[in-house]
Amino acid sequence: MSKLVALTAVCGIAVCLFAFYVEHEASANTDFKAPCDVREGMSCSKVLTSKWGRGYGEDSPLNLPNSIYGLAFYGSLLIKESLFPTSRIIHLAAFSVSCLNFFEAFIKI
């Protein structure tokens, strides 16, 4: 099980790094075309640079790109799997954070 969780964490880190790159490039260069921009109505760069692509309000010091929060989560999950591969309490904490993120997505809608 811990190998699957570690693999998931590595994939999550890769996706978050890609999202951070796309957001940075799309913000800096208006002509940037990300590989995930399928068409005008399906554009990951538009989502990542919108207000929905950031967390916790415009005036908050926690108003960081969502990819930063993902990097922190998946990085801590990878460290957890390296140090404590069978700890149930940490699995519960990771599940709780996932539930809170899901709840936050509904609040923003």
PDB file of N, CA and C in Angstrom:
ATOM      1  N   MET A   1       0.814  -1.204   0.000  1.00  0.00           N
ATOM      2  CA  MET A   1       0.000   0.000   0.000  1.00  0.00           C
ATOM      3  C   MET A   1       0.850   1.257   0.000  1.00  0.00           C
ATOM      4  N   SER A   2       1.956   1.263   0.734  1.00  0.00           N
ATOM      5  CA  SER A   2       2.746   2.484   0.833  1.00  0.00           C
ATOM      6  C   SER A   2       3.400   2.837  -0.500  1.00  0.00           C
ATOM      7  N   LYS A   3       3.700   1.834  -1.345  1.00  0.00           N
ATOM      8  CA  LYS A   3       4.265   2.138  -2.663  1.00  0.00           C
ATOM      9  C   LYS A   3       3.236   2.836  -3.544  1.00  0.00           C
ATOM     10  N   LEU A   4       1.982   2.425  -3.439  1.00  0.00           N
ATOM     11  CA  LEU A   4       0.920   3.056  -4.207  1.00  0.00           C
ATOM     12  C   LEU A   4       0.710   4.503  -3.751  1.00  0.00           C
ATOM     13  N   VAL A   5       0.737   4.732  -2.455  1.00  0.00           N
ATOM     14  CA  VAL A   5       0.575   6.086  -1.922  1.00  0.00           C
ATOM     15  C   VAL A   5       1.757   6.952  -2.345  1.00  0.00           C
ATOM     16  N   ALA A   6       2.967   6.407  -2.272  1.00  0.00           N
ATOM     17  CA  ALA A   6       4.147   7.159  -2.687  1.00  0.00           C
ATOM     18  C   ALA A   6       4.087   7.495  -4.179  1.00  0.00           C
ATOM     19  N   LEU A   7       3.634   6.553  -4.992  1.00  0.00           N
ATOM     20  CA  LEU A   7       3.499   6.801  -6.422  1.00  0.00           C
ATOM     21  C   LEU A   7       2.452   7.885  -6.691  1.00  0.00           C
ATOM     22  N   THR A   8       1.362   7.842  -5.955  1.00  0.00           N
ATOM     23  CA  THR A   8       0.327   8.863  -6.080  1.00  0.00           C
ATOM     24  C   THR A   8       0.883  10.233  -5.699  1.00  0.00           C
ATOM     25  N   ALA A   9       1.686  10.276  -4.639  1.00  0.00           N
ATOM     26  CA  ALA A   9       2.280  11.537  -4.203  1.00  0.00           C
ATOM     27  C   ALA A   9       3.235  12.091  -5.256  1.00  0.00           C
ATOM     28  N   VAL A  10       4.033  11.231  -5.852  1.00  0.00           N
ATOM     29  CA  VAL A  10       4.964  11.676  -6.897  1.00  0.00           C
ATOM     30  C   VAL A  10       4.189  12.199  -8.106  1.00  0.00           C
ATOM     31  N   CYS A  11       3.129  11.503  -8.501  1.00  0.00           N
ATOM     32  CA  CYS A  11       2.293  11.978  -9.615  1.00  0.00           C
ATOM     33  C   CYS A  11       1.626  13.309  -9.268  1.00  0.00           C
ATOM     34  N   GLY A  12       1.160  13.446  -8.034  1.00  0.00           N
ATOM     35  CA  GLY A  12       0.548  14.701  -7.591  1.00  0.00           C
ATOM     36  C   GLY A  12       1.535  15.852  -7.617  1.00  0.00           C
ATOM     37  N   ILE A  13       2.765  15.598  -7.205  1.00  0.00           N
ATOM     38  CA  ILE A  13       3.803  16.628  -7.249  1.00  0.00           C
ATOM     39  C   ILE A  13       4.066  17.039  -8.694  1.00  0.00           C
ATOM     40  N   ALA A  14       4.132  16.074  -9.593  1.00  0.00           N
ATOM     41  CA  ALA A  14       4.372  16.383 -11.006  1.00  0.00           C
ATOM     42  C   ALA A  14       3.248  17.246 -11.587  1.00  0.00           C
ATOM     43  N   VAL A  15       2.006  16.901 -11.278  1.00  0.00           N
ATOM     44  CA  VAL A  15       0.864  17.672 -11.775  1.00  0.00           C
ATOM     45  C   VAL A  15       0.886  19.087 -11.195  1.00  0.00           C
ATOM     46  N   CYS A  16       1.195  19.216  -9.923  1.00  0.00           N
ATOM     47  CA  CYS A  16       1.244  20.542  -9.289  1.00  0.00           C
ATOM     48  C   CYS A  16       2.374  21.392  -9.855  1.00  0.00           C
ATOM     49  N   LEU A  17       3.519  20.787 -10.123  1.00  0.00           N
ATOM     50  CA  LEU A  17       4.614  21.527 -10.749  1.00  0.00           C
ATOM     51  C   LEU A  17       4.217  22.009 -12.139  1.00  0.00           C
ATOM     52  N   PHE A  18       3.544  21.155 -12.896  1.00  0.00           N
ATOM     53  CA  PHE A  18       3.066  21.552 -14.219  1.00  0.00           C
ATOM     54  C   PHE A  18       2.059  22.694 -14.105  1.00  0.00           C
ATOM     55  N   ALA A  19       1.125  22.599 -13.155  1.00  0.00           N
ATOM     56  CA  ALA A  19       0.121  23.650 -12.965  1.00  0.00           C
ATOM     57  C   ALA A  19       0.789  24.968 -12.573  1.00  0.00           C
ATOM     58  N   PHE A  20       1.794  24.905 -11.709  1.00  0.00           N
ATOM     59  CA  PHE A  20       2.507  26.111 -11.307  1.00  0.00           C
ATOM     60  C   PHE A  20       3.226  26.736 -12.506  1.00  0.00           C
ATOM     61  N   TYR A  21       3.858  25.905 -13.321  1.00  0.00           N
ATOM     62  CA  TYR A  21       4.535  26.394 -14.523  1.00  0.00           C
ATOM     63  C   TYR A  21       3.546  27.061 -15.476  1.00  0.00           C
ATOM     64  N   VAL A  22       2.416  26.412 -15.728  1.00  0.00           N
ATOM     65  CA  VAL A  22       1.412  26.968 -16.641  1.00  0.00           C
ATOM     66  C   VAL A  22       0.895  28.296 -16.105  1.00  0.00           C
ATOM     67  N   GLU A  23       0.601  28.368 -14.823  1.00  0.00           N
ATOM     68  CA  GLU A  23       0.097  29.617 -14.258  1.00  0.00           C
ATOM     69  C   GLU A  23       1.129  30.732 -14.371  1.00  0.00           C
ATOM     70  N   HIS A  24       2.376  30.425 -14.062  1.00  0.00           N
ATOM     71  CA  HIS A  24       3.432  31.428 -14.123  1.00  0.00           C
ATOM     72  C   HIS A  24       3.618  31.929 -15.556  1.00  0.00           C
ATOM     73  N   GLU A  25       3.701  31.021 -16.499  1.00  0.00           N
ATOM     74  CA  GLU A  25       3.916  31.406 -17.894  1.00  0.00           C
ATOM     75  C   GLU A  25       2.707  32.141 -18.477  1.00  0.00           C
ATOM     76  N   ALA A  26       1.505  31.701 -18.135  1.00  0.00           N
ATOM     77  CA  ALA A  26       0.297  32.355 -18.653  1.00  0.00           C
ATOM     78  C   ALA A  26       0.138  33.761 -18.081  1.00  0.00           C
ATOM     79  N   SER A  27       0.574  33.956 -16.837  1.00  0.00           N
ATOM     80  CA  SER A  27       0.508  35.286 -16.231  1.00  0.00           C
ATOM     81  C   SER A  27       1.544  36.222 -16.839  1.00  0.00           C
ATOM     82  N   ALA A  28       2.716  35.694 -17.158  1.00  0.00           N
ATOM     83  CA  ALA A  28       3.807  36.518 -17.670  1.00  0.00           C
ATOM     84  C   ALA A  28       3.716  36.768 -19.174  1.00  0.00           C
ATOM     85  N   ASN A  29       3.114  35.853 -19.912  1.00  0.00           N
ATOM     86  CA  ASN A  29       3.102  35.936 -21.360  1.00  0.00           C
ATOM     87  C   ASN A  29       1.679  35.685 -21.867  1.00  0.00           C
ATOM     88  N   THR A  30       1.066  36.693 -22.436  1.00  0.00           N
ATOM     89  CA  THR A  30      -0.319  36.554 -22.894  1.00  0.00           C
ATOM     90  C   THR A  30      -0.433  35.643 -24.122  1.00  0.00           C
ATOM     91  N   ASP A  31       0.663  35.422 -24.826  1.00  0.00           N
ATOM     92  CA  ASP A  31       0.641  34.550 -26.004  1.00  0.00           C
ATOM     93  C   ASP A  31       0.948  33.093 -25.669  1.00  0.00           C
ATOM     94  N   PHE A  32       1.140  32.796 -24.402  1.00  0.00           N
ATOM     95  CA  PHE A  32       1.489  31.433 -23.991  1.00  0.00           C
ATOM     96  C   PHE A  32       0.330  30.484 -24.265  1.00  0.00           C
ATOM     97  N   LYS A  33       0.629  29.352 -24.872  1.00  0.00           N
ATOM     98  CA  LYS A  33      -0.377  28.311 -25.144  1.00  0.00           C
ATOM     99  C   LYS A  33       0.058  27.042 -24.429  1.00  0.00           C
ATOM    100  N   ALA A  34      -0.649  26.696 -23.392  1.00  0.00           N
ATOM    101  CA  ALA A  34      -0.317  25.501 -22.611  1.00  0.00           C
ATOM    102  C   ALA A  34      -0.791  24.247 -23.347  1.00  0.00           C
ATOM    103  N   PRO A  35      -0.119  23.126 -23.138  1.00  0.00           N
ATOM    104  CA  PRO A  35      -0.561  21.872 -23.769  1.00  0.00           C
ATOM    105  C   PRO A  35      -1.964  21.449 -23.332  1.00  0.00           C
ATOM    106  N   CYS A  36      -2.404  21.923 -22.178  1.00  0.00           N
ATOM    107  CA  CYS A  36      -3.730  21.534 -21.682  1.00  0.00           C
ATOM    108  C   CYS A  36      -4.823  22.511 -22.120  1.00  0.00           C
ATOM    109  N   ASP A  37      -4.477  23.518 -22.922  1.00  0.00           N
ATOM    110  CA  ASP A  37      -5.483  24.408 -23.498  1.00  0.00           C
ATOM    111  C   ASP A  37      -6.042  23.744 -24.753  1.00  0.00           C
ATOM    112  N   VAL A  38      -7.139  23.033 -24.585  1.00  0.00           N
ATOM    113  CA  VAL A  38      -7.705  22.252 -25.685  1.00  0.00           C
ATOM    114  C   VAL A  38      -8.374  23.159 -26.706  1.00  0.00           C
ATOM    115  N   ARG A  39      -9.215  24.064 -26.235  1.00  0.00           N
ATOM    116  CA  ARG A  39      -9.886  25.032 -27.099  1.00  0.00           C
ATOM    117  C   ARG A  39     -10.303  26.212 -26.225  1.00  0.00           C
ATOM    118  N   GLU A  40     -10.972  27.169 -26.802  1.00  0.00           N
ATOM    119  CA  GLU A  40     -11.341  28.392 -26.073  1.00  0.00           C
ATOM    120  C   GLU A  40     -12.165  28.079 -24.815  1.00  0.00           C
ATOM    121  N   GLY A  41     -13.086  27.153 -24.913  1.00  0.00           N
ATOM    122  CA  GLY A  41     -13.941  26.810 -23.780  1.00  0.00           C
ATOM    123  C   GLY A  41     -13.322  25.831 -22.801  1.00  0.00           C
ATOM    124  N   MET A  42     -12.193  25.238 -23.155  1.00  0.00           N
ATOM    125  CA  MET A  42     -11.505  24.278 -22.280  1.00  0.00           C
ATOM    126  C   MET A  42     -10.045  24.687 -22.161  1.00  0.00           C
ATOM    127  N   SER A  43      -9.761  25.566 -21.212  1.00  0.00           N
ATOM    128  CA  SER A  43      -8.428  26.129 -21.090  1.00  0.00           C
ATOM    129  C   SER A  43      -7.957  26.041 -19.640  1.00  0.00           C
ATOM    130  N   CYS A  44      -6.937  25.231 -19.402  1.00  0.00           N
ATOM    131  CA  CYS A  44      -6.409  25.123 -18.043  1.00  0.00           C
ATOM    132  C   CYS A  44      -5.709  26.410 -17.622  1.00  0.00           C
ATOM    133  N   SER A  45      -5.086  27.118 -18.561  1.00  0.00           N
ATOM    134  CA  SER A  45      -4.394  28.356 -18.197  1.00  0.00           C
ATOM    135  C   SER A  45      -5.391  29.429 -17.751  1.00  0.00           C
ATOM    136  N   LYS A  46      -6.592  29.450 -18.333  1.00  0.00           N
ATOM    137  CA  LYS A  46      -7.607  30.402 -17.879  1.00  0.00           C
ATOM    138  C   LYS A  46      -8.064  30.077 -16.456  1.00  0.00           C
ATOM    139  N   VAL A  47      -8.215  28.809 -16.175  1.00  0.00           N
ATOM    140  CA  VAL A  47      -8.631  28.401 -14.824  1.00  0.00           C
ATOM    141  C   VAL A  47      -7.535  28.708 -13.813  1.00  0.00           C
ATOM    142  N   LEU A  48      -6.303  28.369 -14.139  1.00  0.00           N
ATOM    143  CA  LEU A  48      -5.207  28.551 -13.197  1.00  0.00           C
ATOM    144  C   LEU A  48      -4.905  30.018 -12.920  1.00  0.00           C
ATOM    145  N   THR A  49      -5.195  30.911 -13.856  1.00  0.00           N
ATOM    146  CA  THR A  49      -4.946  32.337 -13.634  1.00  0.00           C
ATOM    147  C   THR A  49      -6.187  33.079 -13.151  1.00  0.00           C
ATOM    148  N   SER A  50      -7.309  32.386 -12.990  1.00  0.00           N
ATOM    149  CA  SER A  50      -8.531  33.029 -12.502  1.00  0.00           C
ATOM    150  C   SER A  50      -8.516  33.120 -10.978  1.00  0.00           C
ATOM    151  N   LYS A  51      -9.527  33.767 -10.426  1.00  0.00           N
ATOM    152  CA  LYS A  51      -9.613  33.866  -8.965  1.00  0.00           C
ATOM    153  C   LYS A  51      -9.846  32.500  -8.328  1.00  0.00           C
ATOM    154  N   TRP A  52     -10.368  31.538  -9.083  1.00  0.00           N
ATOM    155  CA  TRP A  52     -10.601  30.200  -8.567  1.00  0.00           C
ATOM    156  C   TRP A  52      -9.315  29.390  -8.485  1.00  0.00           C
ATOM    157  N   GLY A  53      -8.260  29.860  -9.117  1.00  0.00           N
ATOM    158  CA  GLY A  53      -6.978  29.170  -9.102  1.00  0.00           C
ATOM    159  C   GLY A  53      -6.104  29.554  -7.932  1.00  0.00           C
ATOM    160  N   ARG A  54      -6.639  30.356  -7.029  1.00  0.00           N
ATOM    161  CA  ARG A  54      -5.901  30.798  -5.849  1.00  0.00           C
ATOM    162  C   ARG A  54      -6.763  30.535  -4.617  1.00  0.00           C
ATOM    163  N   GLY A  55      -6.117  30.514  -3.456  1.00  0.00           N
ATOM    164  CA  GLY A  55      -6.867  30.176  -2.256  1.00  0.00           C
ATOM    165  C   GLY A  55      -6.979  31.293  -1.245  1.00  0.00           C
ATOM    166  N   TYR A  56      -8.042  31.271  -0.495  1.00  0.00           N
ATOM    167  CA  TYR A  56      -8.213  32.023   0.746  1.00  0.00           C
ATOM    168  C   TYR A  56      -8.286  33.536   0.609  1.00  0.00           C
ATOM    169  N   GLY A  57      -8.957  34.070  -0.374  1.00  0.00           N
ATOM    170  CA  GLY A  57      -9.269  35.490  -0.434  1.00  0.00           C
ATOM    171  C   GLY A  57      -8.149  36.377  -0.947  1.00  0.00           C
ATOM    172  N   GLU A  58      -8.531  37.490  -1.542  1.00  0.00           N
ATOM    173  CA  GLU A  58      -7.556  38.364  -2.180  1.00  0.00           C
ATOM    174  C   GLU A  58      -6.654  39.088  -1.190  1.00  0.00           C
ATOM    175  N   ASP A  59      -7.140  39.411  -0.019  1.00  0.00           N
ATOM    176  CA  ASP A  59      -6.360  40.185   0.945  1.00  0.00           C
ATOM    177  C   ASP A  59      -5.572  39.316   1.914  1.00  0.00           C
ATOM    178  N   SER A  60      -5.691  38.034   1.801  1.00  0.00           N
ATOM    179  CA  SER A  60      -5.049  37.121   2.741  1.00  0.00           C
ATOM    180  C   SER A  60      -3.606  36.825   2.330  1.00  0.00           C
ATOM    181  N   PRO A  61      -2.715  36.674   3.325  1.00  0.00           N
ATOM    182  CA  PRO A  61      -1.353  36.236   2.986  1.00  0.00           C
ATOM    183  C   PRO A  61      -1.330  34.790   2.486  1.00  0.00           C
ATOM    184  N   LEU A  62      -2.438  34.073   2.656  1.00  0.00           N
ATOM    185  CA  LEU A  62      -2.547  32.700   2.165  1.00  0.00           C
ATOM    186  C   LEU A  62      -3.118  32.635   0.757  1.00  0.00           C
ATOM    187  N   ASN A  63      -3.203  33.781   0.081  1.00  0.00           N
ATOM    188  CA  ASN A  63      -3.717  33.827  -1.288  1.00  0.00           C
ATOM    189  C   ASN A  63      -2.616  33.387  -2.250  1.00  0.00           C
ATOM    190  N   LEU A  64      -2.323  32.114  -2.212  1.00  0.00           N
ATOM    191  CA  LEU A  64      -1.285  31.513  -3.039  1.00  0.00           C
ATOM    192  C   LEU A  64      -1.939  30.669  -4.125  1.00  0.00           C
ATOM    193  N   PRO A  65      -1.198  30.383  -5.182  1.00  0.00           N
ATOM    194  CA  PRO A  65      -1.755  29.468  -6.196  1.00  0.00           C
ATOM    195  C   PRO A  65      -2.091  28.114  -5.576  1.00  0.00           C
ATOM    196  N   ASN A  66      -3.173  27.519  -6.041  1.00  0.00           N
ATOM    197  CA  ASN A  66      -3.576  26.213  -5.515  1.00  0.00           C
ATOM    198  C   ASN A  66      -2.504  25.155  -5.718  1.00  0.00           C
ATOM    199  N   SER A  67      -1.675  25.333  -6.736  1.00  0.00           N
ATOM    200  CA  SER A  67      -0.604  24.362  -6.977  1.00  0.00           C
ATOM    201  C   SER A  67       0.406  24.351  -5.833  1.00  0.00           C
ATOM    202  N   ILE A  68       0.596  25.471  -5.157  1.00  0.00           N
ATOM    203  CA  ILE A  68       1.501  25.519  -3.999  1.00  0.00           C
ATOM    204  C   ILE A  68       0.936  24.668  -2.867  1.00  0.00           C
ATOM    205  N   TYR A  69      -0.362  24.778  -2.640  1.00  0.00           N
ATOM    206  CA  TYR A  69      -0.997  23.952  -1.604  1.00  0.00           C
ATOM    207  C   TYR A  69      -0.920  22.476  -1.969  1.00  0.00           C
ATOM    208  N   GLY A  70      -1.074  22.174  -3.247  1.00  0.00           N
ATOM    209  CA  GLY A  70      -0.942  20.789  -3.700  1.00  0.00           C
ATOM    210  C   GLY A  70       0.466  20.268  -3.506  1.00  0.00           C
ATOM    211  N   LEU A  71       1.475  21.095  -3.823  1.00  0.00           N
ATOM    212  CA  LEU A  71       2.869  20.688  -3.605  1.00  0.00           C
ATOM    213  C   LEU A  71       3.133  20.407  -2.131  1.00  0.00           C
ATOM    214  N   ALA A  72       2.611  21.262  -1.262  1.00  0.00           N
ATOM    215  CA  ALA A  72       2.799  21.054   0.178  1.00  0.00           C
ATOM    216  C   ALA A  72       2.123  19.755   0.631  1.00  0.00           C
ATOM    217  N   PHE A  73       0.910  19.513   0.139  1.00  0.00           N
ATOM    218  CA  PHE A  73       0.187  18.313   0.540  1.00  0.00           C
ATOM    219  C   PHE A  73       0.881  17.054   0.038  1.00  0.00           C
ATOM    220  N   TYR A  74       1.164  16.996  -1.262  1.00  0.00           N
ATOM    221  CA  TYR A  74       1.770  15.783  -1.817  1.00  0.00           C
ATOM    222  C   TYR A  74       3.206  15.592  -1.334  1.00  0.00           C
ATOM    223  N   GLY A  75       3.920  16.700  -1.098  1.00  0.00           N
ATOM    224  CA  GLY A  75       5.266  16.589  -0.535  1.00  0.00           C
ATOM    225  C   GLY A  75       5.241  16.017   0.872  1.00  0.00           C
ATOM    226  N   SER A  76       4.303  16.499   1.691  1.00  0.00           N
ATOM    227  CA  SER A  76       4.192  15.963   3.049  1.00  0.00           C
ATOM    228  C   SER A  76       3.716  14.511   3.029  1.00  0.00           C
ATOM    229  N   LEU A  77       2.873  14.162   2.073  1.00  0.00           N
ATOM    230  CA  LEU A  77       2.427  12.777   1.942  1.00  0.00           C
ATOM    231  C   LEU A  77       3.597  11.864   1.569  1.00  0.00           C
ATOM    232  N   LEU A  78       4.467  12.337   0.685  1.00  0.00           N
ATOM    233  CA  LEU A  78       5.636  11.555   0.302  1.00  0.00           C
ATOM    234  C   LEU A  78       6.602  11.391   1.471  1.00  0.00           C
ATOM    235  N   ILE A  79       6.809  12.452   2.222  1.00  0.00           N
ATOM    236  CA  ILE A  79       7.666  12.375   3.420  1.00  0.00           C
ATOM    237  C   ILE A  79       7.049  11.424   4.442  1.00  0.00           C
ATOM    238  N   LYS A  80       5.747  11.523   4.629  1.00  0.00           N
ATOM    239  CA  LYS A  80       5.045  10.636   5.565  1.00  0.00           C
ATOM    240  C   LYS A  80       5.227   9.180   5.173  1.00  0.00           C
ATOM    241  N   GLU A  81       5.079   8.894   3.893  1.00  0.00           N
ATOM    242  CA  GLU A  81       5.228   7.503   3.435  1.00  0.00           C
ATOM    243  C   GLU A  81       6.660   7.010   3.589  1.00  0.00           C
ATOM    244  N   SER A  82       7.623   7.921   3.505  1.00  0.00           N
ATOM    245  CA  SER A  82       9.026   7.530   3.680  1.00  0.00           C
ATOM    246  C   SER A  82       9.343   7.240   5.142  1.00  0.00           C
ATOM    247  N   LEU A  83       8.781   8.047   6.044  1.00  0.00           N
ATOM    248  CA  LEU A  83       9.118   7.924   7.464  1.00  0.00           C
ATOM    249  C   LEU A  83       8.186   7.002   8.243  1.00  0.00           C
ATOM    250  N   PHE A  84       6.890   7.080   7.957  1.00  0.00           N
ATOM    251  CA  PHE A  84       5.890   6.316   8.712  1.00  0.00           C
ATOM    252  C   PHE A  84       4.930   5.602   7.758  1.00  0.00           C
ATOM    253  N   PRO A  85       5.377   4.553   7.079  1.00  0.00           N
ATOM    254  CA  PRO A  85       4.527   3.945   6.041  1.00  0.00           C
ATOM    255  C   PRO A  85       3.256   3.268   6.542  1.00  0.00           C
ATOM    256  N   THR A  86       3.176   2.921   7.808  1.00  0.00           N
ATOM    257  CA  THR A  86       1.987   2.204   8.277  1.00  0.00           C
ATOM    258  C   THR A  86       1.223   2.952   9.365  1.00  0.00           C
ATOM    259  N   SER A  87       1.458   4.223   9.526  1.00  0.00           N
ATOM    260  CA  SER A  87       0.805   4.999  10.577  1.00  0.00           C
ATOM    261  C   SER A  87      -0.639   5.317  10.203  1.00  0.00           C
ATOM    262  N   ARG A  88      -1.587   4.776  10.950  1.00  0.00           N
ATOM    263  CA  ARG A  88      -3.010   4.986  10.688  1.00  0.00           C
ATOM    264  C   ARG A  88      -3.451   6.414  11.011  1.00  0.00           C
ATOM    265  N   ILE A  89      -2.875   7.012  12.058  1.00  0.00           N
ATOM    266  CA  ILE A  89      -3.289   8.358  12.448  1.00  0.00           C
ATOM    267  C   ILE A  89      -2.915   9.370  11.379  1.00  0.00           C
ATOM    268  N   ILE A  90      -1.790   9.177  10.723  1.00  0.00           N
ATOM    269  CA  ILE A  90      -1.388  10.093   9.660  1.00  0.00           C
ATOM    270  C   ILE A  90      -2.241   9.864   8.423  1.00  0.00           C
ATOM    271  N   HIS A  91      -2.642   8.608   8.177  1.00  0.00           N
ATOM    272  CA  HIS A  91      -3.577   8.349   7.076  1.00  0.00           C
ATOM    273  C   HIS A  91      -4.896   9.079   7.331  1.00  0.00           C
ATOM    274  N   LEU A  92      -5.359   9.054   8.560  1.00  0.00           N
ATOM    275  CA  LEU A  92      -6.592   9.745   8.917  1.00  0.00           C
ATOM    276  C   LEU A  92      -6.442  11.252   8.736  1.00  0.00           C
ATOM    277  N   ALA A  93      -5.302  11.801   9.127  1.00  0.00           N
ATOM    278  CA  ALA A  93      -5.066  13.235   8.959  1.00  0.00           C
ATOM    279  C   ALA A  93      -5.038  13.612   7.479  1.00  0.00           C
ATOM    280  N   ALA A  94      -4.393  12.808   6.652  1.00  0.00           N
ATOM    281  CA  ALA A  94      -4.344  13.080   5.209  1.00  0.00           C
ATOM    282  C   ALA A  94      -5.746  13.002   4.605  1.00  0.00           C
ATOM    283  N   PHE A  95      -6.544  12.025   5.039  1.00  0.00           N
ATOM    284  CA  PHE A  95      -7.913  11.907   4.559  1.00  0.00           C
ATOM    285  C   PHE A  95      -8.731  13.125   4.976  1.00  0.00           C
ATOM    286  N   SER A  96      -8.523  13.595   6.211  1.00  0.00           N
ATOM    287  CA  SER A  96      -9.244  14.771   6.701  1.00  0.00           C
ATOM    288  C   SER A  96      -8.915  16.002   5.881  1.00  0.00           C
ATOM    289  N   VAL A  97      -7.645  16.186   5.540  1.00  0.00           N
ATOM    290  CA  VAL A  97      -7.237  17.325   4.718  1.00  0.00           C
ATOM    291  C   VAL A  97      -7.880  17.227   3.342  1.00  0.00           C
ATOM    292  N   SER A  98      -7.944  16.043   2.789  1.00  0.00           N
ATOM    293  CA  SER A  98      -8.580  15.856   1.486  1.00  0.00           C
ATOM    294  C   SER A  98     -10.062  16.229   1.549  1.00  0.00           C
ATOM    295  N   CYS A  99     -10.726  15.830   2.611  1.00  0.00           N
ATOM    296  CA  CYS A  99     -12.139  16.175   2.779  1.00  0.00           C
ATOM    297  C   CYS A  99     -12.326  17.681   2.913  1.00  0.00           C
ATOM    298  N   LEU A 100     -11.428  18.341   3.646  1.00  0.00           N
ATOM    299  CA  LEU A 100     -11.514  19.792   3.792  1.00  0.00           C
ATOM    300  C   LEU A 100     -11.305  20.492   2.449  1.00  0.00           C
ATOM    301  N   ASN A 101     -10.394  19.994   1.644  1.00  0.00           N
ATOM    302  CA  ASN A 101     -10.171  20.578   0.318  1.00  0.00           C
ATOM    303  C   ASN A 101     -11.400  20.406  -0.560  1.00  0.00           C
ATOM    304  N   PHE A 102     -12.042  19.255  -0.474  1.00  0.00           N
ATOM    305  CA  PHE A 102     -13.258  19.005  -1.234  1.00  0.00           C
ATOM    306  C   PHE A 102     -14.360  19.965  -0.787  1.00  0.00           C
ATOM    307  N   PHE A 103     -14.485  20.163   0.524  1.00  0.00           N
ATOM    308  CA  PHE A 103     -15.472  21.089   1.077  1.00  0.00           C
ATOM    309  C   PHE A 103     -15.184  22.510   0.623  1.00  0.00           C
ATOM    310  N   GLU A 104     -13.910  22.895   0.611  1.00  0.00           N
ATOM    311  CA  GLU A 104     -13.522  24.246   0.184  1.00  0.00           C
ATOM    312  C   GLU A 104     -13.900  24.478  -1.273  1.00  0.00           C
ATOM    313  N   ALA A 105     -13.788  23.468  -2.096  1.00  0.00           N
ATOM    314  CA  ALA A 105     -14.167  23.613  -3.507  1.00  0.00           C
ATOM    315  C   ALA A 105     -15.646  23.955  -3.633  1.00  0.00           C
ATOM    316  N   PHE A 106     -16.488  23.372  -2.805  1.00  0.00           N
ATOM    317  CA  PHE A 106     -17.908  23.676  -2.849  1.00  0.00           C
ATOM    318  C   PHE A 106     -18.198  25.069  -2.320  1.00  0.00           C
ATOM    319  N   ILE A 107     -17.421  25.537  -1.351  1.00  0.00           N
ATOM    320  CA  ILE A 107     -17.628  26.892  -0.826  1.00  0.00           C
ATOM    321  C   ILE A 107     -17.329  27.932  -1.900  1.00  0.00           C
ATOM    322  N   LYS A 108     -16.310  27.670  -2.711  1.00  0.00           N
ATOM    323  CA  LYS A 108     -15.914  28.636  -3.731  1.00  0.00           C
ATOM    324  C   LYS A 108     -16.879  28.699  -4.906  1.00  0.00           C
ATOM    325  N   ILE A 109     -17.697  27.675  -5.073  1.00  0.00           N
ATOM    326  CA  ILE A 109     -18.611  27.658  -6.228  1.00  0.00           C
ATOM    327  C   ILE A 109     -19.724  28.630  -6.061  1.00  0.00           C
TER     328      ILE A 109
END
